[in-house]
């Protein structure tokens, strides 16, 4: 039999304190977000028939894109080389970001760094880097090092440092403290506790995040190529600009196949590494 709410309030007043205020605040935030959604849909033309009218044009463009056609075998070779360059940009940018973000993640994790000032500065630095979009970083690096794939790799690296730093630090904070306490209680240093207590536990998570971002960055490298950061994006932008729609669909198809292949290989690699790691630590 359930106890009356009034009885529960009398027995556990601390759990009900501020409950009504929290519900009011949550309802107010929800209403404000809903009102903002309605305003945005109206302001962007969702209610005036623009979207429905555009569907006809969309189907017409899709029809013109079929069947995919590169135009010539020379184009196939050129696009293939650029696609390999795109994958190389994504791989270099992702791995560089992961290596540089790991020390910052240690500084930002509460269970690793005790100094609040260091944690605060590290977290705000990661937030600042993460708040700038990858296209903006691409434009910045193009002005620094010039057009080409090097600017693309630097853009991906810079944009992902903030994301990796946040994800890595959160994974470290979620790690079990018992292995670290066991190491330090037997005379091990704090560094040894991190090396043999935290890292083995979060290693599979870090690998999964790196592989996922590598797949995602393959798509991003295709996009930043449009602004001159190397890769197949330059050819995609040129095909769209000249209305070579069948060539456009061929390039998009190449990107989709590459991303699907990377996703498949990443899953196999992730399971292999995690399984091997689990067997080694068992």
Protein backbone atom coordinates (compact mmCIF):
# COMPACT_ATOMS: atom_id res chain seq x y z
CA UNK A 1 0.00 0.00 0.00
CA UNK A 2 1.40 3.37 -1.00
CA UNK A 3 2.04 5.98 1.63
CA UNK A 4 0.18 9.30 1.18
CA UNK A 5 2.18 12.13 -0.36
CA UNK A 6 1.68 14.30 2.71
CA UNK A 7 3.16 11.58 4.89
CA UNK A 8 6.16 11.25 2.62
CA UNK A 9 6.67 15.01 2.69
CA UNK A 10 6.71 14.97 6.49
CA UNK A 11 9.17 12.07 6.67
CA UNK A 12 11.52 13.23 3.88
CA UNK A 13 11.15 17.02 3.58
CA UNK A 14 14.61 17.42 2.00
CA UNK A 15 13.57 15.37 -1.04
CA UNK A 16 10.49 17.50 -1.70
CA UNK A 17 12.15 20.85 -1.09
CA UNK A 18 12.11 22.86 -4.28
CA UNK A 19 10.25 20.11 -6.19
CA UNK A 20 7.44 22.44 -7.27
CA UNK A 21 9.87 25.16 -8.29
CA UNK A 22 11.89 22.72 -10.38
CA UNK A 23 8.76 21.55 -12.18
CA UNK A 24 7.77 25.14 -12.91
CA UNK A 25 11.23 25.99 -14.26
CA UNK A 26 11.24 22.84 -16.44
CA UNK A 27 7.77 23.67 -17.79
CA UNK A 28 8.79 27.28 -18.52
CA UNK A 29 11.91 26.15 -20.39
CA UNK A 30 9.90 23.59 -22.36
CA UNK A 31 7.30 26.20 -23.31
CA UNK A 32 10.00 28.68 -24.36
CA UNK A 33 11.69 26.06 -26.56
CA UNK A 34 8.36 25.11 -28.14
CA UNK A 35 7.55 28.77 -28.84
CA UNK A 36 11.01 29.24 -30.36
CA UNK A 37 10.44 26.18 -32.57
CA UNK A 38 7.11 27.52 -33.85
CA UNK A 39 8.64 30.95 -34.51
CA UNK A 40 11.60 29.42 -36.37
CA UNK A 41 9.35 27.26 -38.55
CA UNK A 42 7.18 30.25 -39.43
CA UNK A 43 10.13 32.57 -40.05
CA UNK A 44 11.87 30.02 -42.31
CA UNK A 45 8.80 29.42 -44.45
CA UNK A 46 7.56 26.04 -43.23
CA UNK A 47 3.93 27.24 -43.16
CA UNK A 48 3.69 29.19 -46.45
CA UNK A 49 4.02 26.28 -48.87
CA UNK A 50 7.66 26.91 -49.76
CA UNK A 51 8.75 23.47 -48.60
CA UNK A 52 6.01 21.62 -50.48
CA UNK A 53 6.66 23.63 -53.64
CA UNK A 54 10.34 22.80 -53.44
CA UNK A 55 9.76 19.05 -53.40
CA UNK A 56 8.84 19.09 -57.09
CA UNK A 57 12.10 20.82 -57.95
CA UNK A 58 13.99 18.37 -55.71
CA UNK A 59 12.65 15.33 -57.55
CA UNK A 60 13.49 17.00 -60.86
CA UNK A 61 17.11 17.55 -59.79
CA UNK A 62 17.40 13.98 -58.51
CA UNK A 63 16.13 12.75 -61.87
CA UNK A 64 18.80 14.76 -63.68
CA UNK A 65 21.49 13.25 -61.42
CA UNK A 66 20.67 9.70 -62.54
CA UNK A 67 22.41 7.61 -63.62
CA UNK A 68 25.75 8.56 -62.02
CA UNK A 69 28.33 9.18 -64.72
CA UNK A 70 31.94 10.36 -64.23
CA UNK A 71 32.20 11.48 -67.85
CA UNK A 72 35.42 9.63 -68.67
CA UNK A 73 37.95 7.18 -67.24
CA UNK A 74 40.35 10.07 -66.75
CA UNK A 75 37.82 11.60 -64.38
CA UNK A 76 37.51 8.29 -62.52
CA UNK A 77 41.27 8.26 -61.95
CA UNK A 78 41.30 11.90 -60.86
CA UNK A 79 38.38 11.41 -58.47
CA UNK A 80 39.94 8.24 -57.02
CA UNK A 81 43.22 10.01 -56.26
CA UNK A 82 41.31 12.88 -54.64
CA UNK A 83 39.23 10.44 -52.58
CA UNK A 84 42.38 8.78 -51.26
CA UNK A 85 43.68 12.25 -50.41
CA UNK A 86 40.43 12.95 -48.55
CA UNK A 87 40.79 9.77 -46.48
CA UNK A 88 44.42 10.68 -45.73
CA UNK A 89 43.34 14.14 -44.56
CA UNK A 90 40.74 12.60 -42.25
CA UNK A 91 43.17 10.03 -40.85
CA UNK A 92 45.99 12.51 -40.20
CA UNK A 93 43.66 15.09 -38.68
CA UNK A 94 41.91 12.56 -36.44
CA UNK A 95 45.07 10.91 -35.10
CA UNK A 96 46.80 14.26 -34.53
CA UNK A 97 43.78 15.57 -32.64
CA UNK A 98 43.60 12.46 -30.45
CA UNK A 99 47.29 12.67 -29.53
CA UNK A 100 47.11 16.38 -28.68
CA UNK A 101 43.77 16.11 -26.85
CA UNK A 102 44.85 13.33 -24.48
CA UNK A 103 47.09 15.53 -22.24
CA UNK A 104 44.38 18.21 -22.13
CA UNK A 105 41.85 15.55 -21.15
CA UNK A 106 44.04 14.53 -18.21
CA UNK A 107 44.18 18.17 -17.09
CA UNK A 108 40.40 18.56 -17.44
CA UNK A 109 39.36 15.36 -15.61
CA UNK A 110 38.34 15.83 -11.98
CA UNK A 111 39.70 12.49 -10.81
CA UNK A 112 43.10 13.14 -12.41
CA UNK A 113 43.82 16.83 -11.77
CA UNK A 114 43.11 18.17 -8.30
CA UNK A 115 43.85 21.86 -9.01
CA UNK A 116 40.60 23.63 -9.83
CA UNK A 117 42.31 26.45 -11.71
CA UNK A 118 44.07 24.01 -14.04
CA UNK A 119 40.83 22.10 -14.63
CA UNK A 120 38.91 25.31 -15.28
CA UNK A 121 41.45 26.65 -17.77
CA UNK A 122 41.68 23.29 -19.54
CA UNK A 123 37.91 22.93 -19.85
CA UNK A 124 37.42 26.49 -21.08
CA UNK A 125 40.21 26.03 -23.62
CA UNK A 126 38.53 22.90 -24.95
CA UNK A 127 35.16 24.68 -25.05
CA UNK A 128 36.66 27.58 -27.00
CA UNK A 129 38.27 25.31 -29.58
CA UNK A 130 35.12 23.21 -29.92
CA UNK A 131 32.86 26.23 -30.41
CA UNK A 132 34.52 27.14 -33.74
CA UNK A 133 33.13 25.17 -36.70
CA UNK A 134 35.43 23.08 -38.84
CA UNK A 135 34.71 25.21 -41.92
CA UNK A 136 35.89 28.30 -40.04
CA UNK A 137 39.06 26.48 -39.02
CA UNK A 138 39.56 25.46 -42.65
CA UNK A 139 39.33 29.07 -43.80
CA UNK A 140 41.72 30.16 -41.06
CA UNK A 141 44.33 27.52 -41.91
CA UNK A 142 44.00 28.22 -45.65
CA UNK A 143 45.04 31.79 -44.93
CA UNK A 144 47.92 30.54 -42.77
CA UNK A 145 49.42 27.70 -44.84
CA UNK A 146 47.68 28.18 -48.19
CA UNK A 147 45.31 26.05 -50.22
CA UNK A 148 45.67 22.28 -50.18
CA UNK A 149 45.27 19.12 -48.10
CA UNK A 150 47.61 20.28 -45.32
CA UNK A 151 45.15 23.03 -44.41
CA UNK A 152 42.36 20.44 -44.36
CA UNK A 153 44.25 18.14 -42.01
CA UNK A 154 45.04 21.06 -39.69
CA UNK A 155 41.38 22.14 -39.71
CA UNK A 156 40.17 18.66 -38.72
CA UNK A 157 42.89 18.38 -36.09
CA UNK A 158 42.04 21.72 -34.50
CA UNK A 159 38.28 21.17 -34.53
CA UNK A 160 38.57 17.68 -33.03
CA UNK A 161 40.96 18.61 -30.23
CA UNK A 162 38.08 20.23 -28.36
CA UNK A 163 35.70 17.33 -28.97
CA UNK A 164 38.24 14.64 -28.10
CA UNK A 165 39.35 16.52 -24.99
CA UNK A 166 35.79 16.68 -23.68
CA UNK A 167 34.96 13.05 -24.52
CA UNK A 168 38.25 11.69 -23.15
CA UNK A 169 37.96 13.64 -19.89
CA UNK A 170 34.37 12.47 -19.37
CA UNK A 171 35.44 8.87 -19.97
CA UNK A 172 38.21 9.25 -17.37
CA UNK A 173 35.82 10.77 -14.85
CA UNK A 174 33.43 7.83 -15.32
CA UNK A 175 36.18 5.28 -14.68
CA UNK A 176 36.05 3.15 -11.54
CA UNK A 177 38.19 4.58 -8.75
CA UNK A 178 38.90 1.24 -7.05
CA UNK A 179 41.88 0.23 -9.23
CA UNK A 180 43.51 3.62 -8.64
CA UNK A 181 42.89 3.40 -4.89
CA UNK A 182 44.34 -0.11 -4.84
CA UNK A 183 47.52 1.03 -6.59
CA UNK A 184 48.03 4.11 -4.42
CA UNK A 185 47.28 2.17 -1.21
CA UNK A 186 50.20 -0.16 -1.96
CA UNK A 187 52.62 2.73 -2.39
CA UNK A 188 52.13 3.48 -6.07
CA UNK A 189 52.27 7.08 -7.23
CA UNK A 190 49.37 9.06 -8.67
CA UNK A 191 50.91 8.71 -12.14
CA UNK A 192 51.05 4.93 -11.73
CA UNK A 193 47.41 4.99 -10.65
CA UNK A 194 46.47 6.80 -13.85
CA UNK A 195 48.64 4.57 -16.05
CA UNK A 196 47.53 1.21 -14.64
CA UNK A 197 44.18 2.11 -13.08
CA UNK A 198 42.39 4.54 -15.40
CA UNK A 199 43.91 4.07 -18.86
CA UNK A 200 43.24 0.30 -19.17
CA UNK A 201 39.59 0.88 -18.31
CA UNK A 202 38.98 3.80 -20.68
CA UNK A 203 41.15 2.47 -23.53
CA UNK A 204 38.25 0.75 -25.39
CA UNK A 205 36.14 3.90 -25.10
CA UNK A 206 38.93 6.09 -26.47
CA UNK A 207 39.52 3.73 -29.39
CA UNK A 208 35.80 3.66 -30.22
CA UNK A 209 35.61 7.45 -30.20
CA UNK A 210 38.71 7.83 -32.38
CA UNK A 211 37.42 5.35 -34.95
CA UNK A 212 33.99 6.98 -35.02
CA UNK A 213 35.50 10.42 -35.57
CA UNK A 214 37.72 9.04 -38.34
CA UNK A 215 34.60 7.88 -40.17
CA UNK A 216 32.86 11.20 -39.53
CA UNK A 217 35.91 13.21 -40.56
CA UNK A 218 35.99 11.46 -43.93
CA UNK A 219 32.71 13.21 -44.68
CA UNK A 220 33.97 16.46 -43.14
CA UNK A 221 37.13 16.33 -45.27
CA UNK A 222 34.90 16.10 -48.34
CA UNK A 223 33.04 19.23 -47.28
CA UNK A 224 36.03 21.40 -46.36
CA UNK A 225 37.54 20.56 -49.74
CA UNK A 226 34.85 22.79 -51.22
CA UNK A 227 36.54 25.84 -49.67
CA UNK A 228 39.96 24.79 -50.97
CA UNK A 229 41.25 22.50 -48.23
CA UNK A 230 42.13 19.65 -50.57
CA UNK A 231 40.49 16.33 -51.31
CA UNK A 232 37.52 15.37 -53.44
CA UNK A 233 35.41 18.29 -52.22
CA UNK A 234 37.02 20.59 -54.79
CA UNK A 235 35.81 18.36 -57.65
CA UNK A 236 32.38 18.11 -56.03
CA UNK A 237 32.07 21.88 -55.82
CA UNK A 238 33.19 22.26 -59.43
CA UNK A 239 30.67 19.67 -60.65
CA UNK A 240 27.84 21.41 -58.79
CA UNK A 241 28.90 24.85 -60.04
CA UNK A 242 28.95 23.71 -63.69
CA UNK A 243 25.67 21.76 -63.27
CA UNK A 244 27.34 18.44 -64.10
CA UNK A 245 24.68 16.66 -62.06
CA UNK A 246 25.47 13.11 -63.16
CA UNK A 247 29.11 13.71 -62.31
CA UNK A 248 27.99 15.16 -58.98
CA UNK A 249 26.03 12.02 -58.13
CA UNK A 250 29.03 9.86 -59.10
CA UNK A 251 31.29 11.77 -56.70
CA UNK A 252 28.68 11.56 -53.93
CA UNK A 253 28.39 7.81 -54.56
CA UNK A 254 32.17 7.44 -54.26
CA UNK A 255 32.10 9.26 -50.92
CA UNK A 256 29.24 7.08 -49.65
CA UNK A 257 31.06 3.88 -50.62
CA UNK A 258 34.26 5.10 -48.95
CA UNK A 259 32.45 6.03 -45.74
CA UNK A 260 30.63 2.67 -45.68
CA UNK A 261 33.91 0.80 -46.16
CA UNK A 262 35.61 2.81 -43.41
CA UNK A 263 32.66 2.16 -41.10
CA UNK A 264 32.90 -1.59 -41.73
CA UNK A 265 36.66 -1.70 -41.23
CA UNK A 266 36.44 0.53 -38.14
CA UNK A 267 33.90 -1.80 -36.53
CA UNK A 268 36.10 -4.83 -37.21
CA UNK A 269 39.18 -3.05 -35.88
CA UNK A 270 37.36 -1.78 -32.80
CA UNK A 271 36.04 -5.22 -31.88
CA UNK A 272 39.46 -6.77 -32.49
CA UNK A 273 41.26 -4.23 -30.29
CA UNK A 274 38.68 -4.31 -27.52
CA UNK A 275 38.59 -8.12 -27.54
CA UNK A 276 42.38 -8.39 -27.46
CA UNK A 277 42.55 -5.81 -24.69
CA UNK A 278 39.88 -7.59 -22.70
CA UNK A 279 41.73 -10.90 -23.07
CA UNK A 280 44.98 -9.29 -21.91
CA UNK A 281 43.44 -7.74 -18.81
CA UNK A 282 41.31 -10.75 -17.84
